[in-house]
Protein backbone atom coordinates (compact mmCIF):
# COMPACT_ATOMS: atom_id res chain seq x y z
CA MET A 1 -25.12 -27.23 -8.25
CA ASN A 2 -27.76 -29.92 -8.05
CA ASP A 3 -25.27 -32.31 -6.44
CA LEU A 4 -24.39 -29.75 -3.78
CA ASP A 5 -28.05 -29.22 -2.93
CA ARG A 6 -28.59 -32.96 -2.64
CA LEU A 7 -25.49 -33.30 -0.42
CA ARG A 8 -26.62 -30.40 1.77
CA LYS A 9 -30.05 -31.95 2.28
CA THR A 10 -28.50 -35.24 3.46
CA MET A 11 -26.36 -33.56 6.14
CA PRO A 12 -27.68 -32.56 9.56
CA GLU A 13 -28.46 -28.88 10.02
CA PRO A 14 -25.71 -28.19 12.61
CA VAL A 15 -23.09 -29.58 10.20
CA VAL A 16 -24.37 -27.40 7.36
CA ARG A 17 -24.29 -24.36 9.64
CA ALA A 18 -20.75 -25.18 10.84
CA LEU A 19 -19.53 -25.59 7.25
CA ALA A 20 -21.13 -22.29 6.29
CA HIS A 21 -19.39 -20.53 9.20
CA ALA A 22 -16.06 -22.16 8.35
CA GLY A 23 -16.39 -21.11 4.71
CA SER A 24 -17.28 -17.58 5.72
CA LEU A 25 -14.29 -17.41 8.05
CA LEU A 26 -11.95 -18.73 5.37
CA LEU A 27 -13.24 -16.23 2.81
CA GLY A 28 -12.89 -13.40 5.32
CA LEU A 29 -9.30 -14.36 6.08
CA VAL A 30 -8.42 -14.50 2.37
CA LEU A 31 -9.96 -11.08 1.79
CA ALA A 32 -8.19 -9.64 4.85
CA VAL A 33 -4.80 -10.89 3.62
CA LEU A 34 -5.48 -9.49 0.15
CA LEU A 35 -6.54 -6.10 1.54
CA HIS A 36 -3.52 -6.02 3.84
CA TYR A 37 -1.19 -6.69 0.90
CA VAL A 38 -2.82 -3.99 -1.26
CA LEU A 39 -2.57 -1.41 1.52
CA TYR A 40 1.04 -2.42 2.14
CA ARG A 41 1.93 -1.97 -1.53
CA LEU A 42 0.20 1.41 -1.68
CA GLY A 43 2.27 2.59 1.28
CA LEU A 44 5.58 1.84 -0.41
CA PRO A 45 7.34 4.75 -2.12
CA SER A 46 7.24 4.79 -5.89
CA LYS A 47 11.03 5.23 -6.07
CA PRO A 48 13.57 3.61 -3.78
CA PHE A 49 15.08 5.98 -1.22
CA ILE A 50 18.59 5.76 -2.70
CA TYR A 51 17.43 7.33 -5.97
CA VAL A 52 15.73 10.25 -4.21
CA ALA A 53 19.03 11.33 -2.61
CA PHE A 54 20.78 11.89 -5.98
């Protein structure tokens, strides 16, 4: 963590802010895909339709 703090202090403030926004966007996209997948799986029936007919 000490190396990251030292690296952050050597970069200009707009670059640090842009990297923070890019990281936040990337994390948000990963969480959105994960949530979308979970909601998709919850919407699937527990048994395939062919077994329900018999």
